[in-house]
Structures are given as structure tokens and as C-alpha cells.
Amino acid sequence: MTRALVILIVVAGCSKHDDAKQTETAGAPAAESDATCVDGKPDECKSVDGAKWTGSRCCLPEHATCVDGKLDECKAGGGGWTGAQCCFKGNANCVAGKLDECKTNSGIWTGTKCCVAASFVCVTGNPDECKTGGGTWTGEQCCVGGGVKCTDGKLDECKTSGGVWTGTQCCIK
């Protein structure tokens, strides 16, 4: 019985060693997977900090959020214009909105979308109730931060339970 146990430990040990080697090999090009490649145009792509043109795509060296937009408004918001899309380093939640309301409420306007922090959940609502509840109004949607879940509800019950009322939905932690 003891010999059988020893053999199992040796086999399990070899298996773990091989898995470690495979992980090292598979993990080696991980830095490449952080790149974001999107549509664009050669000259405009090359003007984005660190971006490279592949002959058909614009690749940014880091993970980025890229959405439709317009050149001037994208750059004014701090984004990089690839020739087809507006890109920001890291994660963002980009949703329908309107220029003035997006900018007034701390969003970044791409020319067609309003981008807020990736941790925000954006749902239907109305501007007054969204802002009163502590949300960010994009011009078309109410975005609420803090790891919330938004669902159907009623104003009074939502507020009583400590939720944020968007005007149409209740967002709770």
C-alpha cells in the first residue's frame, strides 16, 4: 500500500512540473495580448502615442477602450484617434449620450459616445432623478458607480433600501 502511494505522489509531482513548464511557455507572450488592435488609417494611427500600423490595423501597445467617434472631439477629450476610432488607455464604459451633458457631468465625449469609468453601470433614466440620486447623466443614460446592480423597482422603495433611483430603475449594492 505504501508503494502505491509513493508512485501516485511521483506521478502527481511530474504532472505539476510539466504544467508549470507549459504555463511558462504559454505565458511568455502575455505582454502582446495587452495590445489593442482596431480599424484605422496609417497616418492617423501613427500619431497615437506608441501605436503601430500593421498594414491593415492600428495597434496600441496597451489595453485600450476604442469606440466610434470624431477626430476633433476625440482628441479634445484626451483620446487617441486611429483614423476610425477614438481610444483611451484602460477600461471605460462608453454609452449613448450628448456632448454638453456628457462633459458637464464628468464624462469624456468621443464625438458619438460618452465614456465614464468602467465600474459604472449605465441604464435608462431621466436627468433630474439620476443626478439627485448621485448618478452621472450622459445625456441619454444614467450611470451609477460603486458596484451596483440595476433593476426594475419603484422610487420610494428604492430610496428606502438605500438604492439610487435613475428615474426608471433602482440600482443597489
N, C-alpha and C. Protein backbone atom coordinates (compact mmCIF):
# COMPACT_ATOMS: atom_id res chain seq x y z
N MET A 1 0.82 -1.19 0.00
CA MET A 1 0.00 0.00 0.00
C MET A 1 0.86 1.25 0.00
N THR A 2 1.96 1.21 0.73
CA THR A 2 2.85 2.36 0.80
C THR A 2 3.48 2.63 -0.56
N ARG A 3 3.86 1.58 -1.26
CA ARG A 3 4.47 1.76 -2.59
C ARG A 3 3.49 2.42 -3.56
N ALA A 4 2.25 2.03 -3.52
CA ALA A 4 1.25 2.62 -4.42
C ALA A 4 1.10 4.10 -4.14
N LEU A 5 1.14 4.48 -2.88
CA LEU A 5 1.02 5.88 -2.50
C LEU A 5 2.22 6.67 -3.01
N VAL A 6 3.41 6.12 -2.90
CA VAL A 6 4.62 6.79 -3.37
C VAL A 6 4.55 6.99 -4.88
N ILE A 7 4.10 6.02 -5.60
CA ILE A 7 4.00 6.13 -7.06
C ILE A 7 3.02 7.23 -7.43
N LEU A 8 1.91 7.33 -6.76
CA LEU A 8 0.94 8.38 -7.05
C LEU A 8 1.53 9.76 -6.80
N ILE A 9 2.29 9.91 -5.76
CA ILE A 9 2.90 11.21 -5.46
C ILE A 9 3.90 11.58 -6.54
N VAL A 10 4.69 10.63 -7.01
CA VAL A 10 5.67 10.90 -8.06
C VAL A 10 4.96 11.29 -9.35
N VAL A 11 3.90 10.59 -9.71
CA VAL A 11 3.16 10.91 -10.93
C VAL A 11 2.54 12.30 -10.81
N ALA A 12 1.93 12.58 -9.67
CA ALA A 12 1.33 13.90 -9.47
C ALA A 12 2.40 14.97 -9.51
N GLY A 13 3.56 14.69 -8.94
CA GLY A 13 4.66 15.67 -8.96
C GLY A 13 5.13 15.94 -10.37
N CYS A 14 5.25 14.92 -11.20
CA CYS A 14 5.67 15.11 -12.59
C CYS A 14 4.64 15.91 -13.36
N SER A 15 3.39 15.60 -13.12
CA SER A 15 2.33 16.31 -13.80
C SER A 15 2.35 17.80 -13.48
N LYS A 16 2.55 18.13 -12.22
CA LYS A 16 2.60 19.54 -11.84
C LYS A 16 3.80 20.24 -12.48
N HIS A 17 4.93 19.54 -12.56
CA HIS A 17 6.13 20.13 -13.15
C HIS A 17 5.89 20.44 -14.63
N ASP A 18 5.28 19.47 -15.35
CA ASP A 18 5.01 19.69 -16.76
C ASP A 18 4.03 20.85 -16.95
N ASP A 19 3.00 20.93 -16.10
CA ASP A 19 2.04 22.04 -16.19
C ASP A 19 2.75 23.37 -16.01
N ALA A 20 3.70 23.43 -15.07
CA ALA A 20 4.43 24.67 -14.83
C ALA A 20 5.20 25.08 -16.07
N LYS A 21 5.83 24.10 -16.74
CA LYS A 21 6.57 24.42 -17.96
C LYS A 21 5.63 24.95 -19.03
N GLN A 22 4.46 24.31 -19.17
CA GLN A 22 3.51 24.76 -20.17
C GLN A 22 3.01 26.16 -19.85
N THR A 23 2.80 26.46 -18.59
CA THR A 23 2.35 27.78 -18.20
C THR A 23 3.40 28.83 -18.53
N GLU A 24 4.67 28.50 -18.27
CA GLU A 24 5.74 29.44 -18.58
C GLU A 24 5.80 29.70 -20.08
N THR A 25 5.71 28.64 -20.87
CA THR A 25 5.77 28.79 -22.32
C THR A 25 4.56 29.56 -22.83
N ALA A 26 3.37 29.15 -22.36
CA ALA A 26 2.14 29.82 -22.82
C ALA A 26 2.09 31.25 -22.31
N GLY A 27 2.66 31.51 -21.14
CA GLY A 27 2.60 32.85 -20.55
C GLY A 27 3.62 33.81 -21.12
N ALA A 28 4.62 33.33 -21.84
CA ALA A 28 5.69 34.18 -22.33
C ALA A 28 5.19 35.34 -23.19
N PRO A 29 4.30 35.13 -24.16
CA PRO A 29 3.88 36.26 -25.00
C PRO A 29 2.74 37.07 -24.40
N ALA A 30 2.49 36.96 -23.09
CA ALA A 30 1.36 37.64 -22.47
C ALA A 30 1.38 39.14 -22.70
N ALA A 31 2.56 39.75 -22.78
CA ALA A 31 2.64 41.19 -22.99
C ALA A 31 1.98 41.58 -24.31
N GLU A 32 2.08 40.71 -25.32
CA GLU A 32 1.47 41.01 -26.60
C GLU A 32 -0.05 41.03 -26.50
N SER A 33 -0.62 40.23 -25.63
CA SER A 33 -2.07 40.16 -25.52
C SER A 33 -2.67 41.43 -24.92
N ASP A 34 -1.84 42.29 -24.34
CA ASP A 34 -2.33 43.54 -23.79
C ASP A 34 -2.58 44.59 -24.87
N ALA A 35 -2.07 44.36 -26.06
CA ALA A 35 -2.25 45.31 -27.15
C ALA A 35 -3.71 45.31 -27.61
N THR A 36 -4.14 46.45 -28.12
CA THR A 36 -5.48 46.59 -28.67
C THR A 36 -5.34 46.98 -30.13
N CYS A 37 -5.88 46.18 -31.03
CA CYS A 37 -5.80 46.46 -32.46
C CYS A 37 -7.19 46.75 -33.01
N VAL A 38 -7.31 47.87 -33.72
CA VAL A 38 -8.60 48.32 -34.24
C VAL A 38 -8.43 48.87 -35.65
N ASP A 39 -9.55 49.16 -36.30
CA ASP A 39 -9.51 49.78 -37.61
C ASP A 39 -8.90 51.17 -37.51
N GLY A 40 -8.36 51.63 -38.62
CA GLY A 40 -7.79 52.96 -38.63
C GLY A 40 -7.19 53.29 -39.99
N LYS A 41 -6.36 54.32 -40.00
CA LYS A 41 -5.66 54.76 -41.20
C LYS A 41 -4.20 54.98 -40.81
N PRO A 42 -3.27 54.69 -41.72
CA PRO A 42 -1.85 54.72 -41.38
C PRO A 42 -1.36 55.99 -40.70
N ASP A 43 -1.56 57.14 -41.31
CA ASP A 43 -1.02 58.38 -40.75
C ASP A 43 -1.64 58.74 -39.41
N GLU A 44 -2.95 58.58 -39.29
CA GLU A 44 -3.62 58.91 -38.04
C GLU A 44 -3.24 57.92 -36.94
N CYS A 45 -3.08 56.67 -37.29
CA CYS A 45 -2.68 55.66 -36.32
C CYS A 45 -1.31 56.01 -35.74
N LYS A 46 -0.37 56.34 -36.61
CA LYS A 46 1.00 56.65 -36.18
C LYS A 46 1.07 57.87 -35.28
N SER A 47 0.05 58.73 -35.32
CA SER A 47 0.05 59.92 -34.46
C SER A 47 -0.40 59.61 -33.03
N VAL A 48 -0.94 58.41 -32.80
CA VAL A 48 -1.35 58.00 -31.45
C VAL A 48 -0.11 57.50 -30.72
N ASP A 49 0.10 57.97 -29.52
CA ASP A 49 1.28 57.64 -28.72
C ASP A 49 1.51 56.13 -28.63
N GLY A 50 2.62 55.66 -29.21
CA GLY A 50 3.00 54.26 -29.13
C GLY A 50 2.30 53.31 -30.09
N ALA A 51 1.35 53.80 -30.87
CA ALA A 51 0.60 52.94 -31.78
C ALA A 51 1.44 52.55 -32.99
N LYS A 52 1.14 51.38 -33.55
CA LYS A 52 1.85 50.89 -34.73
C LYS A 52 0.83 50.47 -35.78
N TRP A 53 1.14 50.77 -37.02
CA TRP A 53 0.28 50.41 -38.15
C TRP A 53 0.76 49.08 -38.70
N THR A 54 -0.15 48.09 -38.83
CA THR A 54 0.23 46.75 -39.30
C THR A 54 0.10 46.60 -40.81
N GLY A 55 -0.47 47.57 -41.45
CA GLY A 55 -0.77 47.46 -42.87
C GLY A 55 -2.27 47.38 -43.09
N SER A 56 -2.98 47.00 -42.03
CA SER A 56 -4.44 46.96 -42.12
C SER A 56 -5.12 47.35 -40.80
N ARG A 57 -4.38 47.34 -39.69
CA ARG A 57 -4.96 47.67 -38.39
C ARG A 57 -4.02 48.58 -37.61
N CYS A 58 -4.61 49.32 -36.68
CA CYS A 58 -3.85 50.19 -35.78
C CYS A 58 -3.77 49.49 -34.43
N CYS A 59 -2.55 49.22 -33.95
CA CYS A 59 -2.37 48.50 -32.69
C CYS A 59 -1.75 49.43 -31.65
N LEU A 60 -2.47 49.56 -30.54
CA LEU A 60 -1.98 50.35 -29.41
C LEU A 60 -1.24 49.41 -28.47
N PRO A 61 -0.15 49.87 -27.85
CA PRO A 61 0.70 48.97 -27.06
C PRO A 61 0.06 48.46 -25.77
N GLU A 62 -0.96 49.10 -25.29
CA GLU A 62 -1.59 48.70 -24.04
C GLU A 62 -3.07 48.43 -24.28
N HIS A 63 -3.70 47.81 -23.29
CA HIS A 63 -5.14 47.61 -23.38
C HIS A 63 -5.80 48.99 -23.46
N ALA A 64 -6.76 49.12 -24.34
CA ALA A 64 -7.47 50.39 -24.50
C ALA A 64 -8.94 50.12 -24.79
N THR A 65 -9.75 51.12 -24.52
CA THR A 65 -11.15 51.09 -24.91
C THR A 65 -11.25 51.95 -26.16
N CYS A 66 -11.74 51.37 -27.24
CA CYS A 66 -11.85 52.08 -28.52
C CYS A 66 -13.30 52.04 -28.99
N VAL A 67 -13.83 53.21 -29.33
CA VAL A 67 -15.21 53.31 -29.77
C VAL A 67 -15.30 54.29 -30.94
N ASP A 68 -16.43 54.27 -31.61
CA ASP A 68 -16.65 55.22 -32.69
C ASP A 68 -16.59 56.64 -32.14
N GLY A 69 -16.20 57.56 -32.99
CA GLY A 69 -16.11 58.95 -32.56
C GLY A 69 -15.81 59.85 -33.73
N LYS A 70 -15.33 61.04 -33.42
CA LYS A 70 -14.93 62.03 -34.42
C LYS A 70 -13.59 62.60 -34.01
N LEU A 71 -12.73 62.81 -34.97
CA LEU A 71 -11.35 63.22 -34.75
C LEU A 71 -11.19 64.34 -33.73
N ASP A 72 -11.74 65.51 -33.98
CA ASP A 72 -11.52 66.67 -33.12
C ASP A 72 -12.07 66.47 -31.71
N GLU A 73 -13.26 65.92 -31.61
CA GLU A 73 -13.86 65.72 -30.29
C GLU A 73 -13.14 64.62 -29.50
N CYS A 74 -12.65 63.62 -30.20
CA CYS A 74 -11.88 62.56 -29.55
C CYS A 74 -10.61 63.15 -28.93
N LYS A 75 -9.87 63.90 -29.72
CA LYS A 75 -8.62 64.49 -29.22
C LYS A 75 -8.88 65.50 -28.11
N ALA A 76 -9.96 66.27 -28.22
CA ALA A 76 -10.31 67.25 -27.18
C ALA A 76 -10.60 66.56 -25.85
N GLY A 77 -11.10 65.33 -25.91
CA GLY A 77 -11.40 64.56 -24.70
C GLY A 77 -10.20 63.79 -24.17
N GLY A 78 -9.06 63.90 -24.86
CA GLY A 78 -7.85 63.21 -24.41
C GLY A 78 -7.65 61.85 -25.03
N GLY A 79 -8.45 61.52 -26.03
CA GLY A 79 -8.33 60.22 -26.67
C GLY A 79 -7.33 60.25 -27.82
N GLY A 80 -6.98 59.08 -28.30
CA GLY A 80 -6.13 58.93 -29.48
C GLY A 80 -6.99 58.50 -30.66
N TRP A 81 -6.87 59.19 -31.78
CA TRP A 81 -7.68 58.92 -32.96
C TRP A 81 -6.91 58.01 -33.91
N THR A 82 -7.46 56.84 -34.20
CA THR A 82 -6.78 55.86 -35.06
C THR A 82 -7.08 56.07 -36.54
N GLY A 83 -8.00 56.96 -36.82
CA GLY A 83 -8.46 57.14 -38.19
C GLY A 83 -9.86 56.58 -38.36
N ALA A 84 -10.29 55.79 -37.39
CA ALA A 84 -11.64 55.22 -37.44
C ALA A 84 -12.28 55.19 -36.06
N GLN A 85 -11.45 55.12 -35.01
CA GLN A 85 -11.99 55.03 -33.66
C GLN A 85 -11.22 55.91 -32.69
N CYS A 86 -11.90 56.22 -31.59
CA CYS A 86 -11.33 57.02 -30.51
C CYS A 86 -10.94 56.05 -29.39
N CYS A 87 -9.68 56.10 -28.96
CA CYS A 87 -9.18 55.14 -27.98
C CYS A 87 -8.65 55.83 -26.73
N PHE A 88 -8.94 55.21 -25.58
CA PHE A 88 -8.45 55.66 -24.28
C PHE A 88 -7.75 54.49 -23.61
N LYS A 89 -6.65 54.75 -22.93
CA LYS A 89 -5.95 53.69 -22.21
C LYS A 89 -6.85 53.11 -21.14
N GLY A 90 -6.79 51.81 -20.98
CA GLY A 90 -7.55 51.15 -19.92
C GLY A 90 -8.99 50.88 -20.30
N ASN A 91 -9.78 50.66 -19.28
CA ASN A 91 -11.19 50.33 -19.47
C ASN A 91 -12.07 51.55 -19.27
N ALA A 92 -13.13 51.62 -20.03
CA ALA A 92 -14.14 52.66 -19.87
C ALA A 92 -15.47 52.06 -20.32
N ASN A 93 -16.54 52.66 -19.87
CA ASN A 93 -17.87 52.28 -20.29
C ASN A 93 -18.38 53.41 -21.17
N CYS A 94 -18.46 53.17 -22.46
CA CYS A 94 -18.86 54.21 -23.41
C CYS A 94 -20.28 53.92 -23.90
N VAL A 95 -21.16 54.89 -23.68
CA VAL A 95 -22.59 54.69 -23.96
C VAL A 95 -23.15 55.89 -24.71
N ALA A 96 -24.39 55.76 -25.12
CA ALA A 96 -25.08 56.85 -25.81
C ALA A 96 -25.13 58.08 -24.91
N GLY A 97 -25.00 59.24 -25.52
CA GLY A 97 -25.06 60.47 -24.76
C GLY A 97 -25.12 61.68 -25.67
N LYS A 98 -24.96 62.84 -25.07
CA LYS A 98 -24.95 64.11 -25.80
C LYS A 98 -23.77 64.94 -25.30
N LEU A 99 -23.14 65.64 -26.20
CA LEU A 99 -21.92 66.39 -25.93
C LEU A 99 -21.95 67.20 -24.64
N ASP A 100 -22.86 68.15 -24.55
CA ASP A 100 -22.86 69.07 -23.40
C ASP A 100 -23.11 68.36 -22.07
N GLU A 101 -24.11 67.48 -22.04
CA GLU A 101 -24.40 66.79 -20.78
C GLU A 101 -23.27 65.84 -20.39
N CYS A 102 -22.67 65.20 -21.35
CA CYS A 102 -21.56 64.29 -21.06
C CYS A 102 -20.41 65.05 -20.41
N LYS A 103 -20.00 66.14 -21.03
CA LYS A 103 -18.87 66.92 -20.50
C LYS A 103 -19.20 67.56 -19.15
N THR A 104 -20.40 68.10 -19.02
CA THR A 104 -20.82 68.75 -17.78
C THR A 104 -20.81 67.77 -16.61
N ASN A 105 -21.09 66.52 -16.88
CA ASN A 105 -21.21 65.51 -15.82
C ASN A 105 -20.00 64.58 -15.74
N SER A 106 -18.83 65.11 -16.07
CA SER A 106 -17.55 64.40 -15.92
C SER A 106 -17.33 63.22 -16.86
N GLY A 107 -18.08 63.15 -17.94
CA GLY A 107 -17.83 62.11 -18.93
C GLY A 107 -16.81 62.61 -19.94
N ILE A 108 -16.32 61.70 -20.77
CA ILE A 108 -15.41 62.06 -21.86
C ILE A 108 -16.16 61.81 -23.16
N TRP A 109 -16.28 62.85 -23.97
CA TRP A 109 -17.03 62.79 -25.21
C TRP A 109 -16.11 62.38 -26.35
N THR A 110 -16.49 61.34 -27.11
CA THR A 110 -15.67 60.85 -28.24
C THR A 110 -16.11 61.44 -29.57
N GLY A 111 -17.24 62.10 -29.57
CA GLY A 111 -17.83 62.58 -30.81
C GLY A 111 -19.13 61.86 -31.11
N THR A 112 -19.27 60.66 -30.56
CA THR A 112 -20.51 59.91 -30.72
C THR A 112 -20.94 59.19 -29.44
N LYS A 113 -20.02 59.01 -28.50
CA LYS A 113 -20.30 58.29 -27.25
C LYS A 113 -19.79 59.10 -26.06
N CYS A 114 -20.40 58.82 -24.91
CA CYS A 114 -19.96 59.41 -23.65
C CYS A 114 -19.31 58.30 -22.84
N CYS A 115 -18.06 58.49 -22.45
CA CYS A 115 -17.33 57.46 -21.71
C CYS A 115 -17.19 57.84 -20.25
N VAL A 116 -17.52 56.90 -19.39
CA VAL A 116 -17.40 57.05 -17.94
C VAL A 116 -16.54 55.90 -17.44
N ALA A 117 -16.24 55.89 -16.16
CA ALA A 117 -15.42 54.83 -15.58
C ALA A 117 -16.03 53.46 -15.87
N ALA A 118 -15.17 52.48 -16.10
CA ALA A 118 -15.63 51.12 -16.42
C ALA A 118 -16.47 50.52 -15.31
N SER A 119 -16.28 50.98 -14.08
CA SER A 119 -17.03 50.43 -12.95
C SER A 119 -18.47 50.93 -12.89
N PHE A 120 -18.82 51.90 -13.73
CA PHE A 120 -20.17 52.44 -13.74
C PHE A 120 -21.11 51.53 -14.54
N VAL A 121 -22.34 51.40 -14.05
CA VAL A 121 -23.40 50.69 -14.76
C VAL A 121 -24.31 51.78 -15.33
N CYS A 122 -24.59 51.71 -16.63
CA CYS A 122 -25.41 52.74 -17.29
C CYS A 122 -26.73 52.14 -17.75
N VAL A 123 -27.81 52.81 -17.38
CA VAL A 123 -29.15 52.34 -17.70
C VAL A 123 -30.04 53.52 -18.07
N THR A 124 -31.25 53.22 -18.49
CA THR A 124 -32.20 54.28 -18.81
C THR A 124 -32.54 55.07 -17.55
N GLY A 125 -33.01 56.27 -17.75
CA GLY A 125 -33.39 57.10 -16.61
C GLY A 125 -33.79 58.48 -17.09
N ASN A 126 -33.81 59.43 -16.16
CA ASN A 126 -34.03 60.82 -16.55
C ASN A 126 -33.03 61.68 -15.80
N PRO A 127 -32.67 62.83 -16.36
CA PRO A 127 -31.56 63.62 -15.81
C PRO A 127 -31.74 64.06 -14.36
N ASP A 128 -32.90 64.57 -14.01
CA ASP A 128 -33.08 65.09 -12.66
C ASP A 128 -32.97 64.02 -11.59
N GLU A 129 -33.69 62.92 -11.78
CA GLU A 129 -33.66 61.86 -10.77
C GLU A 129 -32.29 61.17 -10.74
N CYS A 130 -31.66 61.05 -11.88
CA CYS A 130 -30.33 60.45 -11.94
C CYS A 130 -29.34 61.27 -11.10
N LYS A 131 -29.30 62.56 -11.34
CA LYS A 131 -28.37 63.45 -10.62
C LYS A 131 -28.71 63.52 -9.14
N THR A 132 -30.00 63.61 -8.82
CA THR A 132 -30.43 63.67 -7.42
C THR A 132 -29.98 62.42 -6.67
N GLY A 133 -30.01 61.29 -7.33
CA GLY A 133 -29.61 60.03 -6.72
C GLY A 133 -28.11 59.81 -6.67
N GLY A 134 -27.35 60.72 -7.28
CA GLY A 134 -25.89 60.60 -7.27
C GLY A 134 -25.31 59.95 -8.51
N GLY A 135 -26.13 59.77 -9.53
CA GLY A 135 -25.64 59.19 -10.78
C GLY A 135 -25.04 60.25 -11.70
N THR A 136 -24.45 59.79 -12.78
CA THR A 136 -23.88 60.66 -13.81
C THR A 136 -24.77 60.56 -15.04
N TRP A 137 -25.28 61.69 -15.51
CA TRP A 137 -26.16 61.73 -16.67
C TRP A 137 -25.33 61.98 -17.92
N THR A 138 -25.43 61.08 -18.92
CA THR A 138 -24.65 61.21 -20.15
C THR A 138 -25.36 62.02 -21.22
N GLY A 139 -26.60 62.34 -20.97
CA GLY A 139 -27.43 62.97 -21.98
C GLY A 139 -28.50 62.01 -22.48
N GLU A 140 -28.26 60.73 -22.28
CA GLU A 140 -29.23 59.71 -22.67
C GLU A 140 -29.35 58.58 -21.66
N GLN A 141 -28.34 58.41 -20.81
CA GLN A 141 -28.37 57.32 -19.84
C GLN A 141 -27.89 57.81 -18.48
N CYS A 142 -28.31 57.09 -17.45
CA CYS A 142 -27.87 57.36 -16.08
C CYS A 142 -26.82 56.32 -15.71
N CYS A 143 -25.64 56.78 -15.32
CA CYS A 143 -24.55 55.87 -14.97
C CYS A 143 -24.28 55.97 -13.47
N VAL A 144 -24.26 54.80 -12.82
CA VAL A 144 -24.10 54.74 -11.37
C VAL A 144 -22.88 53.89 -11.05
N GLY A 145 -22.02 54.41 -10.19
CA GLY A 145 -20.81 53.68 -9.80
C GLY A 145 -20.99 52.94 -8.50
N GLY A 146 -19.94 52.24 -8.10
CA GLY A 146 -19.95 51.59 -6.80
C GLY A 146 -20.39 50.14 -6.80
N GLY A 147 -20.21 49.45 -7.91
CA GLY A 147 -20.54 48.03 -7.95
C GLY A 147 -22.01 47.74 -7.73
N VAL A 148 -22.86 48.42 -8.44
CA VAL A 148 -24.30 48.27 -8.25
C VAL A 148 -24.92 47.32 -9.27
N LYS A 149 -26.10 46.87 -8.96
CA LYS A 149 -26.93 46.10 -9.87
C LYS A 149 -28.21 46.90 -10.07
N CYS A 150 -28.56 47.20 -11.31
CA CYS A 150 -29.75 47.99 -11.58
C CYS A 150 -30.87 47.08 -12.10
N THR A 151 -32.07 47.33 -11.58
CA THR A 151 -33.21 46.50 -11.94
C THR A 151 -34.50 47.31 -11.81
N ASP A 152 -35.59 46.73 -12.23
CA ASP A 152 -36.89 47.39 -12.09
C ASP A 152 -37.19 47.64 -10.62
N GLY A 153 -37.94 48.66 -10.35
CA GLY A 153 -38.31 48.97 -8.98
C GLY A 153 -39.23 50.17 -8.93
N LYS A 154 -39.41 50.70 -7.73
CA LYS A 154 -40.26 51.88 -7.51
C LYS A 154 -39.46 52.88 -6.70
N LEU A 155 -39.66 54.14 -6.98
CA LEU A 155 -38.90 55.24 -6.38
C LEU A 155 -38.79 55.14 -4.87
N ASP A 156 -39.90 55.13 -4.16
CA ASP A 156 -39.86 55.15 -2.69
C ASP A 156 -39.16 53.93 -2.10
N GLU A 157 -39.49 52.75 -2.60
CA GLU A 157 -38.87 51.53 -2.08
C GLU A 157 -37.37 51.50 -2.39
N CYS A 158 -37.00 52.01 -3.54
CA CYS A 158 -35.59 52.05 -3.92
C CYS A 158 -34.81 52.93 -2.95
N LYS A 159 -35.32 54.13 -2.72
CA LYS A 159 -34.64 55.06 -1.80
C LYS A 159 -34.60 54.51 -0.38
N THR A 160 -35.70 53.89 0.07
CA THR A 160 -35.77 53.31 1.41
C THR A 160 -34.71 52.22 1.59
N SER A 161 -34.45 51.47 0.53
CA SER A 161 -33.46 50.38 0.62
C SER A 161 -32.03 50.87 0.37
N GLY A 162 -31.87 52.19 0.23
CA GLY A 162 -30.53 52.75 0.04
C GLY A 162 -30.04 52.70 -1.39
N GLY A 163 -30.95 52.45 -2.31
CA GLY A 163 -30.58 52.39 -3.72
C GLY A 163 -30.55 53.76 -4.38
N VAL A 164 -30.07 53.79 -5.60
CA VAL A 164 -30.06 55.00 -6.42
C VAL A 164 -31.15 54.84 -7.46
N TRP A 165 -32.09 55.79 -7.48
CA TRP A 165 -33.19 55.76 -8.43
C TRP A 165 -32.76 56.55 -9.67
N THR A 166 -32.77 55.90 -10.84
CA THR A 166 -32.32 56.55 -12.08
C THR A 166 -33.45 57.30 -12.79
N GLY A 167 -34.64 57.08 -12.32
CA GLY A 167 -35.82 57.63 -12.98
C GLY A 167 -36.65 56.52 -13.58
N THR A 168 -36.01 55.38 -13.84
CA THR A 168 -36.73 54.21 -14.37
C THR A 168 -36.29 52.92 -13.71
N GLN A 169 -35.11 52.92 -13.08
CA GLN A 169 -34.61 51.70 -12.47
C GLN A 169 -34.00 52.01 -11.09
N CYS A 170 -33.90 50.96 -10.27
CA CYS A 170 -33.28 51.08 -8.96
C CYS A 170 -31.93 50.37 -8.99
N CYS A 171 -30.89 51.08 -8.59
CA CYS A 171 -29.54 50.49 -8.57
C CYS A 171 -29.12 50.29 -7.11
N ILE A 172 -28.85 49.04 -6.76
CA ILE A 172 -28.49 48.71 -5.37
C ILE A 172 -27.17 47.98 -5.33
N LYS A 173 -26.52 48.06 -4.15
CA LYS A 173 -25.25 47.34 -3.96
C LYS A 173 -25.52 45.94 -3.52
